[in-house]
């Protein structure tokens, strides 16, 4: 059985660094230069242009996984006591 290649195969940085950079960009709406600085503080030297390329390449997949992982609204609704007393009065 063939082993499939990693999504990050061929990149010079570990998958965890790329994942953190992309996650920070899309989740917290940080600028590319802010992410560059955060990574530098952790000992990773990377340019903001490289981070932009990662976000372009992996951002759509990241957003899809986040959206798929969110809970879907169910058919059960719960009212708190205050809301219930106002509707009955």
Protein backbone atom coordinates (compact mmCIF):
# COMPACT_ATOMS: atom_id res chain seq x y z
CA UNK A 1 0.00 0.00 0.00
CA UNK A 2 1.40 3.43 -0.95
CA UNK A 3 1.79 6.05 1.71
CA UNK A 4 0.27 9.38 0.64
CA UNK A 5 2.48 12.45 0.75
CA UNK A 6 1.96 15.07 3.41
CA UNK A 7 0.09 18.22 2.46
CA UNK A 8 3.25 20.13 3.41
CA UNK A 9 5.67 17.89 1.49
CA UNK A 10 8.46 19.86 -0.14
CA UNK A 11 8.31 22.85 2.20
CA UNK A 12 11.41 23.75 4.17
CA UNK A 13 9.47 24.52 7.36
CA UNK A 14 7.76 21.96 9.59
CA UNK A 15 4.05 21.43 9.13
CA UNK A 16 3.34 22.78 12.62
CA UNK A 17 4.94 26.17 11.80
CA UNK A 18 2.96 26.49 8.57
CA UNK A 19 -0.26 25.45 10.30
CA UNK A 20 0.19 27.96 13.11
CA UNK A 21 0.92 30.80 10.69
CA UNK A 22 -2.13 30.06 8.54
CA UNK A 23 -4.36 29.55 11.58
CA UNK A 24 -3.27 32.84 13.16
CA UNK A 25 -3.84 34.72 9.92
CA UNK A 26 -7.37 33.50 9.34
CA UNK A 27 -8.58 32.96 12.89
CA UNK A 28 -7.30 36.15 14.53
CA UNK A 29 -7.06 38.40 11.44
CA UNK A 30 -3.46 39.29 12.19
CA UNK A 31 -1.34 41.00 9.57
CA UNK A 32 1.36 39.04 7.80
CA UNK A 33 4.02 41.16 9.48
CA UNK A 34 2.48 40.47 12.92
CA UNK A 35 2.69 36.75 12.25
CA UNK A 36 6.27 37.16 11.02
CA UNK A 37 7.08 38.85 14.34
CA UNK A 38 5.29 36.19 16.42
CA UNK A 39 7.22 33.44 14.69
CA UNK A 40 10.49 35.36 15.08
CA UNK A 41 9.86 35.59 18.84
CA UNK A 42 9.61 31.79 18.82
CA UNK A 43 12.89 31.40 16.94
CA UNK A 44 11.48 30.89 13.44
CA UNK A 45 12.88 33.24 10.81
CA UNK A 46 10.47 33.54 7.90
CA UNK A 47 9.41 36.47 5.71
CA UNK A 48 5.89 37.80 5.52
CA UNK A 49 5.89 36.96 1.79
CA UNK A 50 6.41 33.29 2.60
CA UNK A 51 3.52 33.46 5.07
CA UNK A 52 1.36 35.07 2.37
CA UNK A 53 2.16 32.20 0.01
CA UNK A 54 1.24 29.67 2.72
CA UNK A 55 -2.05 31.45 3.35
CA UNK A 56 -2.84 31.49 -0.37
CA UNK A 57 -1.99 27.82 -0.74
CA UNK A 58 -3.40 26.33 2.47
CA UNK A 59 -6.02 28.89 3.55
CA UNK A 60 -8.96 27.46 1.65
CA UNK A 61 -8.37 23.97 3.06
CA UNK A 62 -7.97 25.39 6.56
CA UNK A 63 -11.25 27.30 6.31
CA UNK A 64 -13.02 24.19 4.99
CA UNK A 65 -11.78 22.05 7.92
CA UNK A 66 -12.82 24.68 10.47
CA UNK A 67 -16.27 25.03 8.94
CA UNK A 68 -16.76 21.25 8.79
CA UNK A 69 -15.72 20.90 12.43
CA UNK A 70 -18.28 23.35 13.77
CA UNK A 71 -21.33 21.94 15.45
CA UNK A 72 -24.46 21.96 13.38
CA UNK A 73 -27.53 23.47 15.03
CA UNK A 74 -29.88 20.78 16.27
CA UNK A 75 -33.61 20.64 16.66
CA UNK A 76 -33.55 21.26 20.43
CA UNK A 77 -33.79 24.76 21.81
CA UNK A 78 -33.41 25.75 25.47
CA UNK A 79 -34.88 28.90 26.98
CA UNK A 80 -33.57 30.43 30.15
CA UNK A 81 -36.03 31.13 32.97
CA UNK A 82 -36.11 34.88 32.40
CA UNK A 83 -37.05 34.56 28.73
CA UNK A 84 -39.68 31.94 29.53
CA UNK A 85 -41.34 34.11 32.21
CA UNK A 86 -41.56 37.10 29.84
CA UNK A 87 -43.27 35.05 27.14
CA UNK A 88 -45.84 33.64 29.56
CA UNK A 89 -46.80 37.01 31.12
